[in-house]
Amino acid sequence: MLVDELAASLGLKAGMKLSAALALVNELDVQPRQPAAEAQRLTLLASWALQFTPTVVIDGEHGLLLEIGGCLRYFGGLTTLQHKVADGLVAQGIVAHIACAPTPLAASWRAACGLKKPVADIAQLAFALAGLPLDVLPVPTATLDGLEQLGLKNLGQVYGLPRKGLAKRFGPQLPQVLDQAAGILADPRESFVAPDRFEHSIDLDYPVETVPVFIHVAQWLFDELELFLSGRGLGVQQVTFRLRHEDIPPTELQVRFGRPGRRAKEFMLVLQEKVERYELAAAAPGITLIAEQLHALHGMPLGLFGHEAGDANFQLLLARLRARLGDDAVQGVRTVPEHRPERAWVACEPGEASKPSPPSARPQGPRPGWLLPQPHALAWRNEQLWHGEALQCEGRPERIETGWWDGESVARDYYIARGVSGRHYWVFQDRSTQAWWLHGLFA
């Protein structure tokens, strides 16, 4: 049994038997757990968290791990980022314990204990872990019982014992997790990959029988959709409601929005117009919202970094960006006469113009706005190139063969690939190894 804050204030505790809880509080609202719904919600939160970092890990049944080392400066520091995450969770009605530590296990354990103070330095880990109770350890109950029989009460006492002795008595798992939490051993985790479509279901205690009630449920599902889209900068142009009925096959209601968007409020305005002429075929105890096609949204006006707003405003914007992010974080890019894409540009002062290139050095095909620091190897899934979504090459290849004179020759066939979300990627096949690589992203 789990308890909420109100139940805890009345003396109820997690793990307590229901009979004991009823003896303390005779009027309880007891709801059965729904593991599938909990997993669905956690996956949705993982998609939402991608707006803060590209590296999100689902940690067990009720936790998320966010690798934030590379994005602290962008968000203005750890405190600001923590507030943004916490405020976002509160806005969704989520009660969460947030902790920060240099290792995944340390962060997870401290969050489980409600310890909010960040641990930024790995040298502080031993002290930060020492006072934690034994039950944070992800080990069998028999191991925890054995540690308690030795008179141990916290992790600091366990860390004080020789690892070989612990391994001999309790097996290799215990010393392994201790060393992973302390940063002595690596703790690799599989990063969350957001699905390339949205499908979210809700099973209701009472069937939906009227359009006003359906609209109320749709609002909740649209809120979930906005949550999913906001973490990835995506939008949808069309969605489908699938209503499950008791005695007849499911019915569907398609809603089109004219242009891609992601705001639940705007979706609701369209839906309310749509359902004025809609009648439910039968009562629906379950409703699913589906969005098959996801579209990349451009989050800033085209003129933001141009001179349409005036050169003075442009220079002021650059100055403010550099003051916040640092000079090195705000640079321009200019081209140089070189066919190898990774050598065809250099960083420069913002606004510095490129020198005209001779016709022989100009690209023969489109170039993406962003190149990866290093080409990323592409995987295959169901006989299709894959990078978070299925990729389909479009058009004829652009062949680049050059560099033999300086010992860094390349022989590549470049393609523009389109994902199911509408995103465009710049990929190439190495002609010597036949391997496929992702090299850039189109805006």
Protein backbone atom coordinates (compact mmCIF):
# COMPACT_ATOMS: atom_id res chain seq x y z
CA MET A 1 0.00 0.00 0.00
CA LEU A 2 1.16 3.53 -0.83
CA VAL A 3 -0.11 6.70 0.79
CA ASP A 4 -0.46 10.32 -0.27
CA GLU A 5 0.50 13.35 1.82
CA LEU A 6 -2.90 13.62 3.50
CA ALA A 7 -2.91 9.94 4.48
CA ALA A 8 0.65 10.24 5.78
CA SER A 9 -0.36 13.18 7.94
CA LEU A 10 -2.95 10.90 9.57
CA GLY A 11 -0.29 8.38 10.56
CA LEU A 12 -0.54 5.95 7.65
CA LYS A 13 2.67 4.55 6.17
CA ALA A 14 3.64 2.92 2.91
CA GLY A 15 3.59 -0.86 3.18
CA MET A 16 0.99 -0.89 5.95
CA LYS A 17 -1.72 -3.55 5.70
CA LEU A 18 -5.12 -2.25 4.65
CA SER A 19 -6.76 -3.63 7.80
CA ALA A 20 -4.29 -1.72 9.97
CA ALA A 21 -4.85 1.45 7.96
CA LEU A 22 -8.62 1.17 8.33
CA ALA A 23 -8.19 0.70 12.07
CA LEU A 24 -6.47 4.09 12.22
CA VAL A 25 -8.67 5.91 9.71
CA ASN A 26 -12.04 4.33 9.05
CA GLU A 27 -12.86 6.50 6.04
CA LEU A 28 -10.25 5.87 3.37
CA ASP A 29 -10.38 6.37 -0.38
CA VAL A 30 -8.59 3.21 -1.52
CA GLN A 31 -7.69 2.93 -5.20
CA PRO A 32 -6.10 -0.16 -6.79
CA ARG A 33 -2.77 0.48 -8.45
CA GLN A 34 -2.67 0.49 -12.24
CA PRO A 35 0.89 -0.52 -13.24
CA ALA A 36 0.21 -0.08 -16.96
CA ALA A 37 -1.11 3.46 -16.45
CA GLU A 38 1.85 4.28 -14.18
CA ALA A 39 4.31 3.05 -16.83
CA GLN A 40 2.48 5.06 -19.50
CA ARG A 41 2.69 8.18 -17.35
CA LEU A 42 6.39 7.68 -16.63
CA THR A 43 7.13 7.30 -20.34
CA LEU A 44 5.24 10.52 -20.99
CA LEU A 45 7.26 12.33 -18.32
CA ALA A 46 10.47 11.03 -19.90
CA SER A 47 9.41 12.57 -23.23
CA TRP A 48 8.63 15.83 -21.43
CA ALA A 49 12.03 15.83 -19.71
CA LEU A 50 13.83 15.81 -23.08
CA GLN A 51 13.38 19.59 -23.17
CA PHE A 52 15.99 19.83 -20.40
CA THR A 53 18.57 17.30 -21.63
CA PRO A 54 18.90 14.83 -24.51
CA THR A 55 19.91 12.09 -22.05
CA VAL A 56 16.98 10.80 -20.01
CA VAL A 57 16.81 7.37 -18.39
CA ILE A 58 13.74 5.63 -16.97
CA ASP A 59 14.89 4.41 -13.56
CA GLY A 60 12.77 1.50 -12.41
CA GLU A 61 9.02 1.87 -11.97
CA HIS A 62 8.86 5.41 -10.62
CA GLY A 63 12.04 7.32 -11.36
CA LEU A 64 13.72 9.39 -14.05
CA LEU A 65 17.41 10.16 -14.36
CA LEU A 66 18.47 13.32 -16.22
CA GLU A 67 22.11 13.80 -17.23
CA ILE A 68 22.46 17.57 -16.87
CA GLY A 69 26.22 18.20 -16.95
CA GLY A 70 26.13 19.53 -20.50
CA CYS A 71 23.14 21.84 -20.14
CA LEU A 72 23.67 23.66 -16.83
CA ARG A 73 25.15 26.73 -18.43
CA TYR A 74 22.31 27.00 -20.91
CA PHE A 75 19.71 27.01 -18.13
CA GLY A 76 21.67 29.41 -15.94
CA GLY A 77 22.98 26.94 -13.37
CA LEU A 78 21.81 24.01 -11.29
CA THR A 79 19.43 25.93 -9.03
CA THR A 80 17.56 27.47 -11.95
CA LEU A 81 17.31 24.14 -13.73
CA GLN A 82 16.03 22.37 -10.61
CA HIS A 83 13.35 25.03 -10.20
CA LYS A 84 12.28 24.66 -13.83
CA VAL A 85 11.96 20.88 -13.50
CA ALA A 86 10.19 21.11 -10.15
CA ASP A 87 7.77 23.81 -11.34
CA GLY A 88 6.96 21.77 -14.43
CA LEU A 89 6.17 18.70 -12.34
CA VAL A 90 4.02 20.67 -9.91
CA ALA A 91 2.07 22.13 -12.83
CA GLN A 92 1.24 18.57 -13.84
CA GLY A 93 0.14 17.61 -10.35
CA ILE A 94 3.17 15.40 -9.83
CA VAL A 95 4.66 15.05 -6.34
CA ALA A 96 8.35 14.33 -6.88
CA HIS A 97 11.56 14.17 -4.88
CA ILE A 98 14.44 15.73 -6.80
CA ALA A 99 18.08 15.12 -5.97
CA CYS A 100 21.34 15.80 -7.77
CA ALA A 101 24.54 13.75 -7.49
CA PRO A 102 27.50 12.77 -9.70
CA THR A 103 26.33 9.14 -10.15
CA PRO A 104 22.92 7.73 -11.12
CA LEU A 105 22.58 5.52 -8.04
CA ALA A 106 23.59 8.27 -5.64
CA ALA A 107 21.02 10.64 -7.16
CA SER A 108 18.33 7.97 -7.10
CA TRP A 109 19.02 6.97 -3.48
CA ARG A 110 19.09 10.54 -2.21
CA ALA A 111 15.86 11.32 -4.03
CA ALA A 112 14.23 8.26 -2.47
CA CYS A 113 15.22 9.63 0.94
CA GLY A 114 13.92 13.11 0.15
CA LEU A 115 17.36 14.74 0.36
CA LYS A 116 17.18 17.85 -1.83
CA LYS A 117 20.63 19.34 -1.22
CA PRO A 118 22.69 18.89 -4.42
CA VAL A 119 25.96 16.96 -4.32
CA ALA A 120 28.03 18.52 -7.08
CA ASP A 121 31.50 17.14 -6.32
CA ILE A 122 32.29 13.43 -6.47
CA ALA A 123 34.67 13.98 -3.56
CA GLN A 124 31.59 14.67 -1.42
CA LEU A 125 29.86 11.42 -2.34
CA ALA A 126 31.16 9.32 0.55
CA PHE A 127 29.76 11.78 3.07
CA ALA A 128 26.55 12.25 1.08
CA LEU A 129 25.87 8.50 1.05
CA ALA A 130 27.03 7.64 4.55
CA GLY A 131 23.80 8.44 6.38
CA LEU A 132 21.41 6.74 3.96
CA PRO A 133 19.44 3.73 5.25
CA LEU A 134 20.19 0.23 4.05
CA ASP A 135 16.86 -0.21 2.30
CA VAL A 136 17.92 2.06 -0.58
CA LEU A 137 20.22 -0.72 -1.77
CA PRO A 138 18.81 -2.59 -4.81
CA VAL A 139 19.72 -6.00 -3.38
CA PRO A 140 17.69 -9.03 -2.26
CA THR A 141 15.87 -8.89 1.07
CA ALA A 142 18.13 -11.66 2.36
CA THR A 143 21.14 -9.40 1.83
CA LEU A 144 19.49 -6.54 3.72
CA ASP A 145 18.59 -8.90 6.57
CA GLY A 146 22.18 -10.14 6.67
CA LEU A 147 23.54 -6.61 6.90
CA GLU A 148 21.16 -5.79 9.74
CA GLN A 149 22.21 -8.96 11.58
CA LEU A 150 25.76 -7.61 11.47
CA GLY A 151 24.51 -4.54 13.33
CA LEU A 152 24.81 -2.24 10.31
CA LYS A 153 22.31 0.61 10.09
CA ASN A 154 23.46 2.86 7.26
CA LEU A 155 25.56 2.90 4.10
CA GLY A 156 28.51 4.56 5.79
CA GLN A 157 28.97 1.47 7.94
CA VAL A 158 28.70 -0.80 4.89
CA TYR A 159 31.23 1.27 2.95
CA GLY A 160 33.63 0.78 5.87
CA LEU A 161 33.77 -2.98 5.29
CA PRO A 162 36.20 -4.67 2.87
CA ARG A 163 34.65 -5.33 -0.55
CA LYS A 164 36.10 -8.82 -0.77
CA GLY A 165 34.49 -9.80 2.49
CA LEU A 166 31.12 -8.42 1.36
CA ALA A 167 31.38 -10.27 -1.95
CA LYS A 168 32.27 -13.54 -0.22
CA ARG A 169 29.35 -13.30 2.19
CA PHE A 170 26.64 -11.68 0.06
CA GLY A 171 27.73 -12.20 -3.53
CA PRO A 172 29.09 -9.74 -6.13
CA GLN A 173 25.97 -7.58 -6.49
CA LEU A 174 26.36 -5.67 -3.22
CA PRO A 175 29.96 -4.46 -3.70
CA GLN A 176 29.18 -3.68 -7.33
CA VAL A 177 26.30 -1.30 -6.55
CA LEU A 178 28.32 0.28 -3.75
CA ASP A 179 31.18 1.04 -6.14
CA GLN A 180 28.81 2.26 -8.86
CA ALA A 181 27.14 4.65 -6.44
CA ALA A 182 30.53 5.95 -5.32
CA GLY A 183 31.71 6.48 -8.90
CA ILE A 184 34.39 3.79 -8.68
CA LEU A 185 32.70 1.55 -11.26
CA ALA A 186 30.88 2.69 -14.37
CA ASP A 187 27.10 2.50 -14.31
CA PRO A 188 25.98 2.58 -17.96
CA ARG A 189 22.27 3.12 -18.55
CA GLU A 190 20.14 2.84 -21.66
CA SER A 191 18.90 6.26 -22.68
CA PHE A 192 15.21 6.77 -23.25
CA VAL A 193 14.19 7.07 -26.90
CA ALA A 194 10.90 8.87 -27.32
CA PRO A 195 8.35 7.06 -29.50
CA ASP A 196 7.84 8.36 -33.02
CA ARG A 197 4.07 8.52 -32.48
CA PHE A 198 1.76 9.41 -29.62
CA GLU A 199 -0.81 6.99 -28.23
CA HIS A 200 -2.30 7.52 -24.81
CA SER A 201 -5.26 5.69 -23.31
CA ILE A 202 -7.49 6.22 -20.32
CA ASP A 203 -9.83 3.66 -18.78
CA LEU A 204 -12.69 5.29 -16.93
CA ASP A 205 -14.55 4.21 -13.81
CA TYR A 206 -17.80 5.30 -15.46
CA PRO A 207 -18.41 5.17 -19.24
CA VAL A 208 -18.56 8.40 -21.21
CA GLU A 209 -22.13 8.80 -22.41
CA THR A 210 -22.39 12.47 -23.39
CA VAL A 211 -20.38 14.90 -25.49
CA PRO A 212 -19.67 17.31 -22.58
CA VAL A 213 -18.10 14.47 -20.59
CA PHE A 214 -16.13 13.41 -23.68
CA ILE A 215 -14.80 16.97 -24.00
CA HIS A 216 -13.68 16.86 -20.37
CA VAL A 217 -11.74 13.63 -20.99
CA ALA A 218 -10.34 15.04 -24.24
CA GLN A 219 -8.95 18.04 -22.34
CA TRP A 220 -6.96 15.69 -20.11
CA LEU A 221 -5.66 13.73 -23.12
CA PHE A 222 -4.73 16.94 -24.95
CA ASP A 223 -2.80 18.07 -21.87
CA GLU A 224 -0.87 14.80 -22.04
CA LEU A 225 -0.22 15.34 -25.75
CA GLU A 226 1.11 18.86 -25.15
CA LEU A 227 3.37 17.44 -22.47
CA PHE A 228 4.73 14.86 -24.90
CA LEU A 229 5.29 17.36 -27.71
CA SER A 230 6.81 20.17 -25.64
CA GLY A 231 9.82 18.10 -24.62
CA ARG A 232 10.84 17.52 -28.22
CA GLY A 233 9.86 20.71 -30.02
CA LEU A 234 7.27 18.85 -32.10
CA GLY A 235 3.69 19.49 -33.13
CA VAL A 236 0.78 17.62 -34.67
CA GLN A 237 -1.55 18.52 -37.49
CA GLN A 238 -4.10 15.78 -36.96
CA VAL A 239 -5.16 13.45 -34.14
CA THR A 240 -7.58 10.58 -33.76
CA PHE A 241 -9.77 9.75 -30.80
CA ARG A 242 -10.55 6.04 -30.56
CA LEU A 243 -13.52 5.24 -28.33
CA ARG A 244 -13.86 1.73 -26.95
CA HIS A 245 -17.40 0.47 -26.48
CA GLU A 246 -18.90 -2.54 -24.74
CA ASP A 247 -21.12 -4.04 -27.44
CA ILE A 248 -19.95 -2.53 -30.72
CA PRO A 249 -16.54 -2.13 -32.41
CA PRO A 250 -14.44 0.93 -31.54
CA THR A 251 -15.37 4.20 -33.20
CA GLU A 252 -12.99 6.97 -34.22
CA LEU A 253 -13.12 10.75 -34.39
CA GLN A 254 -10.46 12.55 -36.43
CA VAL A 255 -9.58 16.14 -35.65
CA ARG A 256 -7.44 18.25 -38.01
CA PHE A 257 -5.85 21.51 -36.94
CA GLY A 258 -4.90 23.10 -40.27
CA ARG A 259 -1.27 23.63 -39.30
CA PRO A 260 1.01 21.79 -36.88
CA GLY A 261 0.75 22.91 -33.27
CA ARG A 262 1.14 21.62 -29.75
CA ARG A 263 -1.00 23.75 -27.43
CA ALA A 264 -3.83 21.90 -25.73
CA LYS A 265 -5.85 25.12 -25.52
CA GLU A 266 -5.80 25.52 -29.30
CA PHE A 267 -6.62 21.85 -29.83
CA MET A 268 -9.66 22.20 -27.59
CA LEU A 269 -11.02 25.15 -29.57
CA VAL A 270 -10.98 23.04 -32.73
CA LEU A 271 -12.44 20.01 -30.98
CA GLN A 272 -15.32 22.00 -29.52
CA GLU A 273 -16.25 23.14 -33.02
CA LYS A 274 -15.98 19.56 -34.26
CA VAL A 275 -18.18 17.93 -31.64
CA GLU A 276 -21.06 20.35 -32.15
CA ARG A 277 -22.06 17.98 -34.95
CA TYR A 278 -20.96 14.77 -33.25
CA GLU A 279 -22.84 12.11 -31.33
CA LEU A 280 -21.32 9.20 -29.46
CA ALA A 281 -22.21 5.88 -31.06
CA ALA A 282 -22.48 4.30 -27.61
CA ALA A 283 -21.16 4.69 -24.09
CA ALA A 284 -17.35 4.53 -24.01
CA PRO A 285 -15.52 3.16 -20.95
CA GLY A 286 -12.15 3.78 -22.59
CA ILE A 287 -10.74 6.51 -24.85
CA THR A 288 -7.40 6.62 -26.69
CA LEU A 289 -5.79 9.66 -28.30
CA ILE A 290 -3.49 8.89 -31.24
CA ALA A 291 -1.15 11.15 -33.22
CA GLU A 292 0.60 9.23 -35.99
CA GLN A 293 2.54 12.04 -37.64
CA LEU A 294 4.76 14.37 -35.61
CA HIS A 295 6.06 17.59 -37.16
CA ALA A 296 9.08 19.67 -36.22
CA LEU A 297 8.06 23.16 -35.12
CA HIS A 298 10.21 26.20 -35.72
CA GLY A 299 10.23 27.95 -32.38
CA MET A 300 11.45 31.42 -33.38
CA PRO A 301 10.46 34.01 -35.99
CA LEU A 302 12.53 34.05 -39.16
CA GLY A 303 13.63 37.61 -38.54
CA LEU A 304 14.85 37.10 -34.98
CA PHE A 305 18.53 36.92 -35.90
CA GLY A 306 18.25 39.01 -39.05
CA HIS A 307 18.33 42.72 -39.64
CA GLU A 308 14.59 43.25 -40.08
CA ALA A 309 14.35 44.53 -36.51
CA GLY A 310 17.24 46.90 -37.08
CA ASP A 311 20.97 46.43 -36.68
CA ALA A 312 20.98 48.09 -33.26
CA ASN A 313 18.52 45.55 -31.89
CA PHE A 314 20.51 42.75 -33.48
CA GLN A 315 23.73 43.87 -31.81
CA LEU A 316 21.92 44.30 -28.48
CA LEU A 317 20.60 40.75 -28.75
CA LEU A 318 24.11 39.44 -29.41
CA ALA A 319 25.45 41.36 -26.44
CA ARG A 320 22.80 39.98 -24.11
CA LEU A 321 23.34 36.43 -25.34
CA ARG A 322 27.08 36.68 -24.86
CA ALA A 323 26.67 38.17 -21.40
CA ARG A 324 24.52 35.21 -20.39
CA LEU A 325 26.25 32.35 -22.21
CA GLY A 326 29.80 33.61 -22.69
CA ASP A 327 31.60 34.84 -25.82
CA ASP A 328 32.58 31.36 -26.96
CA ALA A 329 28.98 30.17 -26.88
CA VAL A 330 27.78 32.77 -29.42
CA GLN A 331 29.71 32.65 -32.68
CA GLY A 332 29.10 33.02 -36.35
CA VAL A 333 29.97 30.56 -39.07
CA ARG A 334 31.48 31.28 -42.46
CA THR A 335 32.31 28.97 -45.31
CA VAL A 336 35.71 28.18 -46.80
CA PRO A 337 36.48 26.60 -50.20
CA GLU A 338 36.61 22.92 -49.18
CA HIS A 339 34.48 19.96 -50.35
CA ARG A 340 34.78 17.94 -47.13
CA PRO A 341 31.80 19.16 -45.09
CA GLU A 342 33.60 19.02 -41.74
CA ARG A 343 36.28 21.33 -43.17
CA ALA A 344 34.04 23.62 -45.20
CA TRP A 345 33.39 26.10 -42.40
CA VAL A 346 35.15 27.95 -39.61
CA ALA A 347 33.86 29.79 -36.55
CA CYS A 348 33.94 33.57 -36.76
CA GLU A 349 32.52 36.69 -35.23
CA PRO A 350 28.73 36.95 -35.68
CA GLY A 351 27.92 38.78 -38.88
CA GLU A 352 31.33 38.20 -40.48
CA ALA A 353 30.77 37.48 -44.18
CA SER A 354 32.20 34.52 -46.05
CA LYS A 355 34.63 35.10 -48.87
CA PRO A 356 33.29 34.16 -52.32
CA SER A 357 34.29 30.61 -53.28
CA PRO A 358 35.31 29.61 -56.80
CA PRO A 359 32.61 27.66 -58.69
CA SER A 360 34.65 24.45 -58.46
CA ALA A 361 34.56 24.59 -54.64
CA ARG A 362 30.87 25.32 -54.24
CA PRO A 363 28.60 22.56 -52.94
CA GLN A 364 26.71 20.61 -55.58
CA GLY A 365 23.72 19.97 -53.30
CA PRO A 366 21.87 21.35 -50.27
CA ARG A 367 23.73 21.66 -46.99
CA PRO A 368 22.17 21.37 -43.50
CA GLY A 369 22.31 24.20 -41.03
CA TRP A 370 23.97 22.01 -38.41
CA LEU A 371 26.73 19.40 -38.69
CA LEU A 372 27.38 16.92 -35.92
CA PRO A 373 30.78 17.25 -34.18
CA GLN A 374 31.52 13.76 -35.51
CA PRO A 375 29.48 11.60 -37.91
CA HIS A 376 27.15 9.30 -35.97
CA ALA A 377 26.84 5.66 -37.04
CA LEU A 378 23.29 4.81 -38.13
CA ALA A 379 21.53 1.62 -37.10
CA TRP A 380 19.21 -0.56 -39.13
CA ARG A 381 15.75 -1.56 -37.93
CA ASN A 382 13.27 -3.56 -40.04
CA GLU A 383 15.55 -3.07 -43.05
CA GLN A 384 15.40 0.72 -42.71
CA LEU A 385 17.95 3.25 -41.55
CA TRP A 386 17.12 4.34 -37.99
CA HIS A 387 17.91 7.36 -35.84
CA GLY A 388 15.13 7.61 -33.29
CA GLU A 389 12.74 7.09 -36.22
CA ALA A 390 12.76 5.33 -39.60
CA LEU A 391 14.69 7.25 -42.29
CA GLN A 392 13.99 7.23 -46.03
CA CYS A 393 16.60 8.59 -48.47
CA GLU A 394 15.24 11.02 -51.06
CA GLY A 395 16.62 11.97 -54.47
CA ARG A 396 19.97 11.15 -56.03
CA PRO A 397 23.21 11.05 -54.04
CA GLU A 398 25.87 13.74 -54.04
CA ARG A 399 29.27 12.08 -54.32
CA ILE A 400 32.24 13.64 -52.53
CA GLU A 401 35.71 12.20 -53.21
CA THR A 402 38.57 14.38 -52.10
CA GLY A 403 41.43 14.84 -49.65
CA TRP A 404 43.81 12.21 -51.03
CA TRP A 405 46.69 14.69 -51.05
CA ASP A 406 46.71 15.34 -47.28
CA GLY A 407 46.20 11.80 -46.01
CA GLU A 408 42.55 12.37 -44.93
CA SER A 409 40.75 11.31 -48.06
CA VAL A 410 37.00 10.72 -48.10
CA ALA A 411 34.77 8.83 -50.54
CA ARG A 412 31.13 9.32 -49.62
CA ASP A 413 27.68 9.36 -51.17
CA TYR A 414 25.49 11.93 -49.41
CA TYR A 415 21.68 11.79 -49.28
CA ILE A 416 18.90 13.83 -47.77
CA ALA A 417 16.85 11.46 -45.59
CA ARG A 418 13.37 12.17 -44.31
CA GLY A 419 12.02 10.83 -41.01
CA VAL A 420 8.40 9.95 -40.34
CA SER A 421 8.19 13.07 -38.14
CA GLY A 422 8.98 15.28 -41.14
CA ARG A 423 12.52 16.03 -39.99
CA HIS A 424 15.27 16.01 -42.62
CA TYR A 425 18.70 14.50 -42.03
CA TRP A 426 21.94 14.61 -44.00
CA VAL A 427 23.35 11.09 -44.21
CA PHE A 428 26.11 9.44 -46.18
CA GLN A 429 27.35 5.99 -47.10
CA ASP A 430 31.09 5.46 -46.83
CA ARG A 431 32.05 3.94 -50.18
CA SER A 432 35.00 2.04 -48.72
CA THR A 433 33.15 0.37 -45.82
CA GLN A 434 29.51 0.63 -47.04
CA ALA A 435 28.61 1.90 -43.53
CA TRP A 436 25.92 4.57 -43.13
CA TRP A 437 26.43 7.71 -41.07
CA LEU A 438 24.43 10.73 -39.93
CA HIS A 439 26.38 13.94 -40.55
CA GLY A 440 23.94 16.82 -40.21
CA LEU A 441 20.43 18.06 -39.46
CA PHE A 442 18.32 20.37 -41.57
CA ALA A 443 16.31 23.07 -39.82
